[in-house]
Amino acid sequence: MSAFEWNKVIGAILVALLVIKVADIAGDSLLHAKVPASHAYPVEGVASAKPSTTAPAKAEIKIAAIGPMLAAASADAGAKVARKCAVCHSFDKGGPNKVGPGLWGSVGADVAAHAGYSYSAALKGKGGKWDYEALNKFLYNPKADVPGTRMGFTGIKNDAERAALIAYLRSRADNPAPLP
C-alpha cells in the first residue's frame, strides 16, 4: 500500500471518530436527565436525591477547655510551636509588625488593638480581649472563629501544642496574665 492509501485509511478513522463525538455531544444536548423527587426504593440512612435548598446549620466548634491544658503546658515547648507563627508574627518586645501584628503582650490584650497594624474588619468586629479561652478557640481554627479574617493559618488542632503555644504567648509580656 502506498502512502496515499494509508492517508485515506487514517483520515477515514479520524472522520469516523469526529462523527461519533459530534453525535455524542448532540445527544447530550437533546436529552436531559431528570432527578427524581425521591428514591424509588428508600434506603435507611441515605439522603434524598433531591438537593436541599436550605443551608446546613453551622456546627458549633467543640474544643477542650484551656485551663487544665495550661497546667501541663510548657512555654519552652510552645516556643517550638511558635516557629509556625514566626513567619508572619514577631514575639519580641517592640518587634515589628510583619504580615500579622507583633504578639508581645497579646495575652489579655484587647482584640485588634496592636498599635500600627491594620486589622481586617472581621477581627475588628470580634471585640473583647484575648483571654485564654478566646485564644484557644481562635488558634484552633481562626477562619471558623472569625469568618472573614485575613489570617491564612489553618489552626492548631493538637490540644497540647495549642496549650503550649498559649503558655509561650503568656510568657512574652512584661507582666504575664494570671493563669485561669
Protein backbone atom coordinates (compact mmCIF):
# COMPACT_ATOMS: atom_id res chain seq x y z
CA MET A 1 0.00 0.00 0.00
CA SER A 2 1.27 3.45 -0.87
CA ALA A 3 1.50 6.41 1.50
CA PHE A 4 -1.53 7.98 -0.21
CA GLU A 5 -3.69 4.95 0.60
CA TRP A 6 -2.53 4.97 4.26
CA ASN A 7 -3.52 8.64 4.49
CA LYS A 8 -7.02 7.75 3.24
CA VAL A 9 -7.36 4.99 5.89
CA ILE A 10 -6.16 7.24 8.75
CA GLY A 11 -8.36 10.08 7.50
CA ALA A 12 -11.40 7.79 7.42
CA ILE A 13 -10.75 6.68 11.00
CA LEU A 14 -10.39 10.31 12.19
CA VAL A 15 -13.59 11.35 10.40
CA ALA A 16 -15.45 8.42 11.98
CA LEU A 17 -14.22 9.40 15.46
CA LEU A 18 -15.19 13.03 14.82
CA VAL A 19 -18.71 11.99 13.73
CA ILE A 20 -19.09 9.82 16.84
CA LYS A 21 -18.01 12.68 19.11
CA VAL A 22 -20.36 15.18 17.44
CA ALA A 23 -23.24 12.71 17.78
CA ASP A 24 -22.38 12.23 21.46
CA ILE A 25 -22.39 15.99 22.15
CA ALA A 26 -25.64 16.47 20.18
CA GLY A 27 -27.29 13.59 22.04
CA ASP A 28 -26.32 15.04 25.42
CA SER A 29 -27.80 18.41 24.47
CA LEU A 30 -31.10 16.86 23.35
CA LEU A 31 -31.70 14.59 26.32
CA HIS A 32 -31.78 15.93 29.86
CA ALA A 33 -31.90 13.52 32.76
CA LYS A 34 -34.45 14.46 35.40
CA VAL A 35 -33.60 13.87 39.04
CA PRO A 36 -36.43 12.02 40.77
CA ALA A 37 -38.09 13.68 43.75
CA SER A 38 -37.36 10.66 45.91
CA HIS A 39 -35.65 7.30 45.72
CA ALA A 40 -37.61 4.51 44.04
CA TYR A 41 -36.54 2.19 46.85
CA PRO A 42 -35.96 4.11 50.09
CA VAL A 43 -32.82 3.01 51.89
CA GLU A 44 -32.45 3.69 55.61
CA GLY A 45 -29.81 6.35 56.28
CA VAL A 46 -29.46 7.54 52.66
CA ALA A 47 -30.41 11.12 51.89
CA SER A 48 -32.93 12.05 49.22
CA ALA A 49 -31.61 12.54 45.68
CA LYS A 50 -33.21 15.98 45.59
CA PRO A 51 -30.71 18.61 46.71
CA SER A 52 -31.60 20.55 49.82
CA THR A 53 -32.47 24.21 49.34
CA THR A 54 -31.73 25.16 52.93
CA ALA A 55 -28.22 25.86 54.12
CA PRO A 56 -26.85 23.41 56.67
CA ALA A 57 -26.70 24.67 60.23
CA LYS A 58 -23.28 25.92 61.28
CA ALA A 59 -21.70 23.39 63.61
CA GLU A 60 -20.52 24.72 66.94
CA ILE A 61 -16.81 24.21 67.49
CA LYS A 62 -16.23 21.93 70.48
CA ILE A 63 -12.71 22.07 71.87
CA ALA A 64 -11.23 21.18 75.22
CA ALA A 65 -11.13 23.83 77.97
CA ILE A 66 -7.76 25.55 78.15
CA GLY A 67 -7.40 25.71 81.95
CA PRO A 68 -6.43 22.09 82.59
CA MET A 69 -4.25 22.02 79.48
CA LEU A 70 -2.32 25.12 80.57
CA ALA A 71 -1.45 23.45 83.88
CA ALA A 72 0.56 20.85 81.97
CA ALA A 73 1.80 23.16 79.19
CA SER A 74 5.41 24.26 78.81
CA ALA A 75 6.40 27.64 77.43
CA ASP A 76 9.61 26.05 76.11
CA ALA A 77 7.56 23.57 74.07
CA GLY A 78 5.41 26.50 72.97
CA ALA A 79 8.50 28.28 71.61
CA LYS A 80 8.94 25.35 69.21
CA VAL A 81 5.27 25.51 68.16
CA ALA A 82 5.60 29.29 67.69
CA ARG A 83 8.03 28.70 64.83
CA LYS A 84 4.93 28.08 62.71
CA CYS A 85 3.78 31.60 63.56
CA ALA A 86 7.17 33.35 63.27
CA VAL A 87 6.84 33.68 59.50
CA CYS A 88 4.03 36.23 59.98
CA HIS A 89 4.42 37.43 63.60
CA SER A 90 7.20 38.70 65.83
CA PHE A 91 7.31 37.76 69.51
CA ASP A 92 9.90 40.28 70.73
CA LYS A 93 9.12 43.38 72.75
CA GLY A 94 8.85 46.25 70.29
CA GLY A 95 9.15 43.76 67.42
CA PRO A 96 7.92 44.85 64.02
CA ASN A 97 4.57 44.07 62.51
CA LYS A 98 5.02 41.60 59.70
CA VAL A 99 2.18 40.06 57.69
CA GLY A 100 0.48 39.82 61.10
CA PRO A 101 0.86 42.03 64.18
CA GLY A 102 3.59 41.64 66.77
CA LEU A 103 2.41 39.33 69.56
CA TRP A 104 4.34 40.73 72.57
CA GLY A 105 1.84 41.21 75.40
CA SER A 106 -1.08 39.79 73.41
CA VAL A 107 -2.50 37.54 76.17
CA GLY A 108 -5.08 39.63 78.00
CA ALA A 109 -4.88 42.47 75.45
CA ASP A 110 -7.85 43.85 73.54
CA VAL A 111 -8.64 42.11 70.24
CA ALA A 112 -7.41 44.02 67.16
CA ALA A 113 -5.64 46.66 69.25
CA HIS A 114 -1.92 46.27 68.45
CA ALA A 115 -0.61 49.70 67.51
CA GLY A 116 0.39 50.27 63.92
CA TYR A 117 -1.31 47.21 62.44
CA SER A 118 -4.28 47.35 60.04
CA TYR A 119 -6.70 44.61 61.10
CA SER A 120 -9.45 43.10 58.95
CA ALA A 121 -13.00 44.33 59.54
CA ALA A 122 -13.93 40.84 60.76
CA LEU A 123 -11.30 40.86 63.51
CA LYS A 124 -12.13 44.45 64.48
CA GLY A 125 -15.75 43.37 64.83
CA LYS A 126 -14.88 40.47 67.14
CA GLY A 127 -14.32 42.71 70.15
CA GLY A 128 -13.36 41.56 73.63
CA LYS A 129 -9.98 40.53 74.94
CA TRP A 130 -7.53 37.80 74.04
CA ASP A 131 -8.14 35.80 77.21
CA TYR A 132 -7.12 32.16 77.38
CA GLU A 133 -10.42 30.75 76.11
CA ALA A 134 -10.61 33.25 73.23
CA LEU A 135 -7.05 32.39 72.18
CA ASN A 136 -7.76 28.68 72.48
CA LYS A 137 -10.79 28.91 70.20
CA PHE A 138 -9.09 31.25 67.70
CA LEU A 139 -5.90 29.21 67.46
CA TYR A 140 -7.90 26.00 66.96
CA ASN A 141 -9.45 27.35 63.74
CA PRO A 142 -9.04 31.09 63.01
CA LYS A 143 -11.34 31.16 59.96
CA ALA A 144 -14.17 29.39 61.80
CA ASP A 145 -13.84 31.57 64.91
CA VAL A 146 -13.64 34.86 62.97
CA PRO A 147 -15.12 34.36 59.49
CA GLY A 148 -13.56 36.89 57.13
CA THR A 149 -10.22 37.15 58.92
CA ARG A 150 -7.22 37.65 56.66
CA MET A 151 -5.20 35.17 58.71
CA GLY A 152 -4.47 32.30 56.36
CA PHE A 153 -3.30 29.89 59.07
CA THR A 154 -5.45 26.75 59.33
CA GLY A 155 -5.07 26.42 63.09
CA ILE A 156 -3.54 24.04 65.62
CA LYS A 157 -5.78 21.04 66.21
CA ASN A 158 -3.47 19.32 68.73
CA ASP A 159 -4.60 20.40 72.23
CA ALA A 160 -1.16 20.03 73.84
CA GLU A 161 0.56 22.09 71.12
CA ARG A 162 -2.11 24.79 71.30
CA ALA A 163 -1.81 25.00 75.12
CA ALA A 164 2.00 25.15 74.86
CA LEU A 165 1.73 27.99 72.33
CA ILE A 166 -0.64 29.91 74.61
CA ALA A 167 1.76 29.37 77.54
CA TYR A 168 4.56 30.74 75.36
CA LEU A 169 2.46 33.75 74.33
CA ARG A 170 1.71 34.35 78.02
CA SER A 171 5.45 34.40 78.75
CA ARG A 172 6.00 37.05 76.06
CA ALA A 173 4.88 40.03 78.17
CA ASP A 174 6.24 42.44 80.77
CA ASN A 175 3.52 41.33 83.21
CA PRO A 176 2.18 37.89 82.18
CA ALA A 177 -1.56 37.50 82.59
CA PRO A 178 -2.59 35.37 85.59
CA LEU A 179 -3.42 31.77 84.81
CA PRO A 180 -7.09 30.79 84.89
